[in-house]
Amino acid sequence: MMLAGLAATGSASASTPAPPPDDETSSGIAVNGTLRNSEGTLLEGVTVTAVGGGGSIVVDDVSGPDGRFEIEVPEPGTYLFRVEEDTLPEGTEVLQGEVTRDVAEGRLATVIFRFGEERGGLDTSAAGQFVRLLVDGIRFGLVIGIAAVGLSLIFGTTGLTNFAHGDLVTIGAVVAWTVNVVGGVQLIPATIIAIVVGGFVGALNEWAIWRRLRRRGVGLIAQLVVSIGLAIALRYLVLIFFGGRSESFADYTAQTARSYGPVVLTDKDLSAIVISIVVMIGVALLLQRTRIGKAMRAVSDNRDLAASSGIDVDRVVLFVWILGGALATLGGVLFALSELSSTVQYEMGFKLLLLMFAGVILGGLGTAYGALVGCLIVGILVQMSTLVLPVDLKYLGGLVVLIVILVFRPQGLLGSRARIG
């Protein structure tokens, strides 16, 4: 089965801009996407139409040699998106060629056309659906965990609840998109460059802001307020330079879904799972087997005792910020690829921030392993909640369970009890 996605945003994609009509200024809502058949071949010359509420065709477009098309609906509303089957290449079968979606200004909407032969058996059974959602939850939880480990380590070593961490996730994805699309670099090396930039941004945060505030004796509550202001500033700086539209990576925008028993995954989803597991194992080995990892744990346990033992606390905190920025960057790219249909949005990190906090608090503040366990639980609950909740409300399940668990165990699953006052 082949999935082809459409992304609806408030303006046309920068990667494949469509020239506006000569006689008028374009003011509609752009809808674009890429079509591939079940073998992964790009489909050229296929007509895609948008049908309005009255049943008449509002607008249509023909996919180009790269399989991409772009159409503009005149106003927000509910539209039927349809692939005209008589324009498909010979031998291409469409399973679902009509999908109804609500389109709104500035809102990402994904329409999926299915190509290939119909599957039966476990793919349509309740057990198969449960397994698929479980695997999707593990994948999503691992991606949240990658981004949230740095947040937990920063809290453990400095006591700071950093509300700007979500915007480090956005910056990483935007840098990777810029290097990939604007710079013409393949996404894998572009991600490596973005990780380096993310580590540098983390170090810059520590050097320019947080170390100075700590030396001036600024309290944690005041630092928390500063982090909120920094988050807003970074978010709108990204908006100024990147724009409010959703943009697609040049690579891995549409892939063939492969069947692994009852589970159906694209290569990028499988890669996100493998990369996340490898990185998490690497972080665990770093914390357990290296000198800097042991120093990080010592500073987290007792900052003053670590300093009196000869540990350079400022150096350890700087390393934590670099590591946190790099992991946030990687998490941003994986989140865009596996959860946002390979698109980047200026608010993506802010949307992920609540789930990161949910996972970190659920697992136990300040513990890297707790962050991983908590994020896995949140990811699974978020995906499983779609069995009873609409997809647009799926994040609600993870946050509700967070509240319920913390009522009975405020220190989180792996946290330890502490007396305050």
Protein backbone atom coordinates (compact mmCIF):
# COMPACT_ATOMS: atom_id res chain seq x y z
CA MET A 1 0.00 0.00 0.00
CA MET A 2 1.30 3.47 -0.84
CA LEU A 3 0.51 6.65 1.10
CA ALA A 4 0.60 10.05 -0.62
CA GLY A 5 0.16 13.10 1.61
CA LEU A 6 -1.13 16.61 1.06
CA ALA A 7 -0.21 19.47 3.35
CA ALA A 8 -2.53 22.46 3.59
CA THR A 9 -1.02 25.69 4.84
CA GLY A 10 -1.59 29.39 4.67
CA SER A 11 0.75 29.86 1.70
CA ALA A 12 2.54 27.88 -0.98
CA SER A 13 5.52 25.66 -0.18
CA ALA A 14 8.84 27.37 -0.63
CA SER A 15 10.42 24.20 -2.02
CA THR A 16 8.07 24.08 -5.03
CA PRO A 17 6.61 27.59 -5.41
CA ALA A 18 3.78 28.05 -7.86
CA PRO A 19 3.75 31.32 -9.82
CA PRO A 20 0.68 33.45 -9.10
CA PRO A 21 -1.75 34.21 -11.91
CA ASP A 22 -0.77 37.14 -14.06
CA ASP A 23 -4.10 38.94 -13.79
CA GLU A 24 -4.72 38.75 -10.04
CA THR A 25 -2.99 38.30 -6.73
CA SER A 26 -3.30 34.84 -5.19
CA SER A 27 -5.22 34.94 -1.91
CA GLY A 28 -6.35 31.35 -1.42
CA ILE A 29 -5.10 28.57 0.80
CA ALA A 30 -2.42 26.45 -0.86
CA VAL A 31 -2.67 22.65 -0.84
CA ASN A 32 0.31 20.69 -2.14
CA GLY A 33 1.64 17.18 -2.09
CA THR A 34 3.50 14.39 -3.88
CA LEU A 35 2.02 11.30 -5.52
CA ARG A 36 3.80 7.94 -5.77
CA ASN A 37 2.47 4.54 -6.73
CA SER A 38 2.80 1.36 -4.67
CA GLU A 39 6.33 0.77 -6.03
CA GLY A 40 7.43 4.25 -5.01
CA THR A 41 7.43 5.65 -8.57
CA LEU A 42 6.52 9.32 -8.90
CA LEU A 43 3.22 9.84 -10.69
CA GLU A 44 3.31 12.51 -13.40
CA GLY A 45 0.30 13.95 -15.17
CA VAL A 46 -2.26 12.91 -12.54
CA THR A 47 -5.13 15.36 -11.97
CA VAL A 48 -6.07 16.18 -8.38
CA THR A 49 -9.28 18.14 -7.80
CA ALA A 50 -10.87 19.92 -4.86
CA VAL A 51 -14.67 19.68 -4.77
CA GLY A 52 -16.63 22.27 -2.79
CA GLY A 53 -19.78 21.89 -0.71
CA GLY A 54 -22.04 22.34 -3.73
CA GLY A 55 -20.53 19.36 -5.49
CA SER A 56 -18.74 21.39 -8.14
CA ILE A 57 -15.00 21.30 -8.81
CA VAL A 58 -13.44 24.36 -7.20
CA VAL A 59 -9.92 23.98 -8.53
CA ASP A 60 -7.59 21.29 -9.85
CA ASP A 61 -3.96 20.75 -10.78
CA VAL A 62 -1.81 18.20 -12.60
CA SER A 63 1.20 16.61 -10.91
CA GLY A 64 4.57 17.41 -12.45
CA PRO A 65 7.56 15.19 -13.28
CA ASP A 66 8.50 15.11 -9.58
CA GLY A 67 5.02 13.92 -8.65
CA ARG A 68 4.24 17.20 -6.90
CA PHE A 69 1.16 19.32 -7.42
CA GLU A 70 -0.19 22.51 -5.92
CA ILE A 71 -3.75 23.76 -5.86
CA GLU A 72 -5.41 26.68 -4.09
CA VAL A 73 -8.84 26.60 -2.52
CA PRO A 74 -10.43 30.07 -2.39
CA GLU A 75 -11.47 30.05 1.28
CA PRO A 76 -11.51 27.93 4.44
CA GLY A 77 -14.06 25.15 4.56
CA THR A 78 -14.70 21.45 3.99
CA TYR A 79 -13.51 20.06 0.64
CA LEU A 80 -13.46 16.69 -1.04
CA PHE A 81 -9.99 16.00 -2.45
CA ARG A 82 -10.09 13.54 -5.34
CA VAL A 83 -7.65 11.79 -7.64
CA GLU A 84 -9.08 11.50 -11.15
CA GLU A 85 -8.56 7.81 -11.85
CA ASP A 86 -8.71 8.19 -15.64
CA THR A 87 -5.49 10.25 -15.46
CA LEU A 88 -3.53 7.61 -13.54
CA PRO A 89 -0.81 5.69 -15.42
CA GLU A 90 -1.84 2.29 -16.70
CA GLY A 91 -1.59 -0.43 -14.06
CA THR A 92 -1.85 1.94 -11.10
CA GLU A 93 -4.62 0.98 -8.71
CA VAL A 94 -6.11 3.40 -6.21
CA LEU A 95 -7.64 2.12 -3.00
CA GLN A 96 -8.81 5.43 -1.63
CA GLY A 97 -8.99 8.26 -4.12
CA GLU A 98 -11.44 10.54 -2.28
CA VAL A 99 -10.87 12.07 1.16
CA THR A 100 -12.83 14.85 2.89
CA ARG A 101 -10.87 17.34 4.97
CA ASP A 102 -11.41 20.68 6.71
CA VAL A 103 -9.03 23.34 5.37
CA ALA A 104 -8.22 26.42 7.44
CA GLU A 105 -5.76 29.28 7.17
CA GLY A 106 -2.42 28.45 8.82
CA ARG A 107 -3.52 24.94 9.82
CA LEU A 108 -1.73 21.80 8.64
CA ALA A 109 -4.18 19.29 7.15
CA THR A 110 -3.01 15.98 5.71
CA VAL A 111 -4.97 14.10 3.08
CA ILE A 112 -3.86 10.54 2.35
CA PHE A 113 -4.52 8.67 -0.87
CA ARG A 114 -3.90 4.93 -0.82
CA PHE A 115 -2.48 3.08 -3.81
CA GLY A 116 -1.90 -0.66 -4.26
CA GLU A 117 -3.74 -3.86 -3.48
CA GLU A 118 -6.16 -4.09 -0.57
CA ARG A 119 -4.87 -5.93 2.48
CA GLY A 120 -6.91 -8.21 4.60
CA GLY A 121 -6.45 -10.37 7.70
CA LEU A 122 -4.82 -8.76 10.70
CA ASP A 123 -4.60 -5.36 9.00
CA THR A 124 -8.33 -4.85 9.55
CA SER A 125 -8.71 -6.74 12.85
CA ALA A 126 -8.87 -5.21 16.31
CA ALA A 127 -5.68 -7.07 17.31
CA GLY A 128 -3.84 -5.72 14.27
CA GLN A 129 -4.99 -2.18 15.00
CA PHE A 130 -3.88 -2.52 18.64
CA VAL A 131 -0.41 -3.72 17.62
CA ARG A 132 -0.02 -0.93 15.06
CA LEU A 133 -0.99 1.72 17.59
CA LEU A 134 1.37 0.19 20.16
CA VAL A 135 4.30 0.34 17.73
CA ASP A 136 3.34 3.89 16.72
CA GLY A 137 3.21 4.81 20.41
CA ILE A 138 6.68 3.36 21.05
CA ARG A 139 8.01 5.26 18.03
CA PHE A 140 6.40 8.52 19.16
CA GLY A 141 7.53 8.01 22.75
CA LEU A 142 11.13 7.43 21.66
CA VAL A 143 11.06 10.64 19.60
CA ILE A 144 9.66 12.59 22.58
CA GLY A 145 12.31 10.97 24.78
CA ILE A 146 15.17 12.05 22.52
CA ALA A 147 14.04 15.67 22.78
CA ALA A 148 13.18 15.47 26.50
CA VAL A 149 16.38 13.89 27.88
CA GLY A 150 18.20 17.21 27.61
CA LEU A 151 15.33 18.97 29.39
CA SER A 152 15.59 16.48 32.27
CA LEU A 153 19.39 16.69 32.49
CA ILE A 154 19.28 20.51 32.56
CA PHE A 155 16.80 20.41 35.42
CA GLY A 156 18.88 17.82 37.25
CA THR A 157 22.12 19.81 37.10
CA THR A 158 20.81 23.39 37.44
CA GLY A 159 17.27 23.12 38.85
CA LEU A 160 15.99 25.16 35.87
CA THR A 161 12.63 24.33 34.29
CA ASN A 162 13.50 25.48 30.77
CA PHE A 163 10.41 26.48 28.80
CA ALA A 164 12.63 27.46 25.85
CA HIS A 165 13.66 23.83 25.28
CA GLY A 166 10.79 23.28 22.85
CA ASP A 167 12.08 26.09 20.67
CA LEU A 168 15.49 24.38 20.51
CA VAL A 169 13.55 21.50 18.93
CA THR A 170 12.10 23.92 16.35
CA ILE A 171 15.46 25.55 15.65
CA GLY A 172 17.02 22.16 14.96
CA ALA A 173 14.31 21.20 12.47
CA VAL A 174 14.45 24.63 10.78
CA VAL A 175 18.25 24.50 10.44
CA ALA A 176 18.03 20.99 8.96
CA TRP A 177 15.32 22.18 6.53
CA THR A 178 17.40 25.23 5.51
CA VAL A 179 20.53 23.19 4.84
CA ASN A 180 18.50 20.49 3.07
CA VAL A 181 16.19 22.61 0.88
CA VAL A 182 17.96 25.94 0.48
CA GLY A 183 21.50 24.55 0.63
CA GLY A 184 20.74 21.46 -1.46
CA VAL A 185 22.40 19.10 1.04
CA GLN A 186 20.95 15.62 1.54
CA LEU A 187 18.91 15.37 4.74
CA ILE A 188 21.23 13.03 6.67
CA PRO A 189 24.32 15.30 6.51
CA ALA A 190 21.97 18.29 6.92
CA THR A 191 20.76 16.76 10.19
CA ILE A 192 24.35 16.26 11.38
CA ILE A 193 25.05 19.94 10.65
CA ALA A 194 21.86 20.88 12.52
CA ILE A 195 22.94 18.80 15.53
CA VAL A 196 26.22 20.73 15.67
CA VAL A 197 24.32 24.02 15.42
CA GLY A 198 21.91 22.84 18.14
CA GLY A 199 24.82 22.07 20.47
CA PHE A 200 26.27 25.52 19.79
CA VAL A 201 22.90 27.20 20.51
CA GLY A 202 22.70 25.28 23.78
CA ALA A 203 26.21 26.41 24.74
CA LEU A 204 25.33 30.00 23.79
CA ASN A 205 22.29 29.85 26.07
CA GLU A 206 24.48 28.78 28.99
CA TRP A 207 27.29 31.27 28.32
CA ALA A 208 25.18 34.33 27.56
CA ILE A 209 22.19 33.90 29.90
CA TRP A 210 22.02 31.17 32.51
CA ARG A 211 25.59 31.23 33.87
CA ARG A 212 25.36 34.99 34.30
CA LEU A 213 22.02 34.72 36.09
CA ARG A 214 23.33 32.01 38.46
CA ARG A 215 26.41 34.07 39.34
CA ARG A 216 24.19 37.04 40.13
CA GLY A 217 22.18 34.88 42.50
CA VAL A 218 18.94 35.05 40.49
CA GLY A 219 16.37 32.62 41.92
CA LEU A 220 14.90 29.67 40.05
CA ILE A 221 11.45 31.27 39.79
CA ALA A 222 12.95 34.33 38.12
CA GLN A 223 14.98 32.08 35.80
CA LEU A 224 11.80 30.20 34.89
CA VAL A 225 10.16 33.51 33.90
CA VAL A 226 13.24 34.38 31.83
CA SER A 227 12.99 31.00 30.05
CA ILE A 228 9.36 31.74 29.14
CA GLY A 229 10.38 35.10 27.68
CA LEU A 230 13.29 33.48 25.82
CA ALA A 231 10.92 30.85 24.40
CA ILE A 232 8.59 33.54 23.04
CA ALA A 233 11.51 35.50 21.58
CA LEU A 234 13.00 32.45 19.86
CA ARG A 235 9.60 31.37 18.52
CA TYR A 236 8.95 34.68 16.86
CA LEU A 237 12.49 35.00 15.56
CA VAL A 238 11.91 31.67 13.80
CA LEU A 239 8.58 33.02 12.52
CA ILE A 240 10.30 36.09 11.09
CA PHE A 241 13.00 34.18 9.24
CA PHE A 242 11.17 30.93 8.43
CA GLY A 243 7.57 32.11 8.07
CA GLY A 244 4.29 30.75 9.36
CA ARG A 245 3.77 28.18 6.63
CA SER A 246 4.58 24.48 6.82
CA GLU A 247 7.52 23.48 4.63
CA SER A 248 8.55 20.02 3.47
CA PHE A 249 12.02 18.51 3.46
CA ALA A 250 13.44 17.82 0.01
CA ASP A 251 13.99 14.15 0.94
CA TYR A 252 11.73 11.43 2.37
CA THR A 253 8.49 13.37 1.81
CA ALA A 254 6.60 10.33 0.51
CA GLN A 255 7.58 6.71 1.00
CA THR A 256 6.12 3.30 0.42
CA ALA A 257 4.59 1.76 3.54
CA ARG A 258 6.02 -1.69 4.15
CA SER A 259 4.22 -4.48 5.96
CA TYR A 260 5.88 -6.20 8.91
CA GLY A 261 3.18 -8.66 9.88
CA PRO A 262 0.30 -6.64 11.33
CA VAL A 263 2.49 -3.51 11.48
CA VAL A 264 2.81 -1.12 8.55
CA LEU A 265 5.75 1.30 8.64
CA THR A 266 7.55 3.52 6.19
CA ASP A 267 11.33 3.41 6.06
CA LYS A 268 11.59 6.79 7.79
CA ASP A 269 9.38 5.60 10.67
CA LEU A 270 11.50 2.48 11.10
CA SER A 271 14.66 4.60 10.90
CA ALA A 272 13.29 6.94 13.60
CA ILE A 273 12.80 3.96 15.93
CA VAL A 274 16.29 2.55 15.29
CA ILE A 275 18.04 5.94 15.58
CA SER A 276 16.19 6.76 18.80
CA ILE A 277 17.11 3.43 20.40
CA VAL A 278 20.77 3.77 19.39
CA VAL A 279 20.97 7.33 20.71
CA MET A 280 19.27 6.38 23.97
CA ILE A 281 21.74 3.52 24.49
CA GLY A 282 24.56 5.96 23.75
CA VAL A 283 23.27 8.43 26.35
CA ALA A 284 22.94 5.62 28.92
CA LEU A 285 26.53 4.49 28.28
CA LEU A 286 27.69 8.11 28.50
CA LEU A 287 26.07 8.52 31.91
CA GLN A 288 27.30 5.18 33.29
CA ARG A 289 30.74 4.60 31.76
CA THR A 290 32.40 7.98 31.11
CA ARG A 291 34.00 10.49 33.48
CA ILE A 292 31.83 13.35 32.27
CA GLY A 293 28.74 11.16 32.72
CA LYS A 294 29.67 10.32 36.29
CA ALA A 295 30.38 14.00 36.92
CA MET A 296 26.92 14.88 35.56
CA ARG A 297 25.31 12.40 37.94
CA ALA A 298 27.36 13.76 40.85
CA VAL A 299 26.33 17.36 40.11
CA SER A 300 22.71 16.25 39.78
CA ASP A 301 22.83 14.46 43.15
CA ASN A 302 24.58 17.20 45.14
CA ARG A 303 26.02 20.25 43.40
CA ASP A 304 27.93 21.60 46.41
CA LEU A 305 29.46 18.24 47.31
CA ALA A 306 30.50 17.70 43.69
CA ALA A 307 32.21 21.11 43.64
CA SER A 308 34.03 20.40 46.91
CA SER A 309 35.22 17.08 45.44
CA GLY A 310 37.07 18.89 42.65
CA ILE A 311 34.48 18.65 39.89
CA ASP A 312 34.31 21.70 37.62
CA VAL A 313 30.56 22.29 37.93
CA ASP A 314 30.43 25.04 35.27
CA ARG A 315 32.15 22.76 32.78
CA VAL A 316 29.68 19.95 33.51
CA VAL A 317 26.69 22.27 33.16
CA LEU A 318 28.05 23.60 29.87
CA PHE A 319 28.40 20.05 28.56
CA VAL A 320 24.81 19.31 29.64
CA TRP A 321 23.55 22.31 27.67
CA ILE A 322 25.51 21.25 24.59
CA LEU A 323 24.18 17.70 24.86
CA GLY A 324 20.63 18.95 25.50
CA GLY A 325 20.72 21.26 22.47
CA ALA A 326 22.09 18.51 20.20
CA LEU A 327 19.48 15.97 21.34
CA ALA A 328 16.68 18.53 20.98
CA THR A 329 17.82 19.18 17.41
CA LEU A 330 17.81 15.49 16.55
CA GLY A 331 14.40 15.10 18.20
CA GLY A 332 13.06 17.98 16.10
CA VAL A 333 14.13 16.37 12.82
CA LEU A 334 12.75 12.95 13.82
CA PHE A 335 9.49 14.55 15.01
CA ALA A 336 9.08 16.36 11.69
CA LEU A 337 9.82 13.22 9.67
CA SER A 338 7.74 10.68 11.57
CA GLU A 339 4.87 12.69 13.03
CA LEU A 340 4.42 15.75 10.79
CA SER A 341 4.66 14.06 7.37
CA SER A 342 8.20 15.41 6.75
CA THR A 343 7.13 19.02 7.26
CA VAL A 344 8.57 21.74 9.50
CA GLN A 345 6.44 24.30 11.37
CA TYR A 346 7.53 27.26 13.45
CA GLU A 347 5.38 26.12 16.42
CA MET A 348 6.26 22.42 16.30
CA GLY A 349 8.55 22.57 19.34
CA PHE A 350 5.99 24.46 21.39
CA LYS A 351 3.38 21.79 20.58
CA LEU A 352 5.82 19.07 21.66
CA LEU A 353 6.85 20.91 24.84
CA LEU A 354 3.79 19.88 26.90
CA LEU A 355 4.35 16.22 26.00
CA MET A 356 8.04 16.53 26.91
CA PHE A 357 7.12 17.98 30.30
CA ALA A 358 4.51 15.26 30.73
CA GLY A 359 7.07 12.53 30.07
CA VAL A 360 9.80 14.11 32.23
CA ILE A 361 7.49 14.73 35.18
CA LEU A 362 5.84 11.32 34.84
CA GLY A 363 9.22 9.55 34.88
CA GLY A 364 10.72 11.74 37.59
CA LEU A 365 12.26 15.19 37.22
CA GLY A 366 16.02 15.24 36.81
CA THR A 367 16.48 11.57 35.85
CA ALA A 368 17.40 10.70 32.28
CA TYR A 369 16.08 7.16 32.59
CA GLY A 370 12.86 8.44 34.11
CA ALA A 371 12.44 10.82 31.18
CA LEU A 372 12.74 7.90 28.74
CA VAL A 373 10.26 5.72 30.64
CA GLY A 374 7.81 8.58 31.08
CA CYS A 375 8.01 9.62 27.43
CA LEU A 376 7.44 6.03 26.27
CA ILE A 377 4.32 5.84 28.43
CA VAL A 378 3.07 9.21 27.15
CA GLY A 379 3.73 8.24 23.51
CA ILE A 380 1.85 4.95 23.86
CA LEU A 381 -1.07 6.61 25.66
CA VAL A 382 -1.28 9.35 23.04
CA GLN A 383 -1.51 6.87 20.16
CA MET A 384 -3.79 4.45 22.00
CA SER A 385 -6.18 7.27 22.85
CA THR A 386 -7.15 7.47 19.17
CA LEU A 387 -9.19 4.30 19.76
CA VAL A 388 -11.71 6.41 21.70
CA LEU A 389 -10.78 10.04 20.90
CA PRO A 390 -10.63 11.97 17.61
CA VAL A 391 -7.13 12.23 16.18
CA ASP A 392 -7.09 16.01 16.78
CA LEU A 393 -7.52 15.36 20.53
CA LYS A 394 -5.05 12.51 20.90
CA TYR A 395 -2.57 14.56 22.99
CA LEU A 396 -5.28 14.96 25.62
CA GLY A 397 -4.97 11.32 26.77
CA GLY A 398 -1.32 11.62 27.76
CA LEU A 399 -1.88 14.81 29.73
CA VAL A 400 -4.93 13.43 31.58
CA VAL A 401 -3.05 10.30 32.65
CA LEU A 402 -0.14 12.50 33.77
CA ILE A 403 -2.45 14.40 36.11
CA VAL A 404 -4.00 11.22 37.48
CA ILE A 405 -0.65 9.52 38.21
CA LEU A 406 0.87 12.60 39.83
CA VAL A 407 -2.07 12.83 42.22
CA PHE A 408 -0.95 9.49 43.68
CA ARG A 409 2.84 9.70 43.06
CA PRO A 410 3.99 13.33 42.83
CA GLN A 411 7.68 12.41 42.51
CA GLY A 412 7.03 10.47 39.29
CA LEU A 413 7.66 6.83 38.54
CA LEU A 414 11.45 6.77 39.02
CA GLY A 415 11.82 9.88 41.16
CA SER A 416 12.59 9.79 44.88
CA ARG A 417 10.65 11.43 47.65
CA ALA A 418 12.08 14.73 48.85
CA ARG A 419 11.10 16.96 51.71
CA ILE A 420 10.72 20.63 50.91
CA GLY A 421 11.06 23.13 53.79
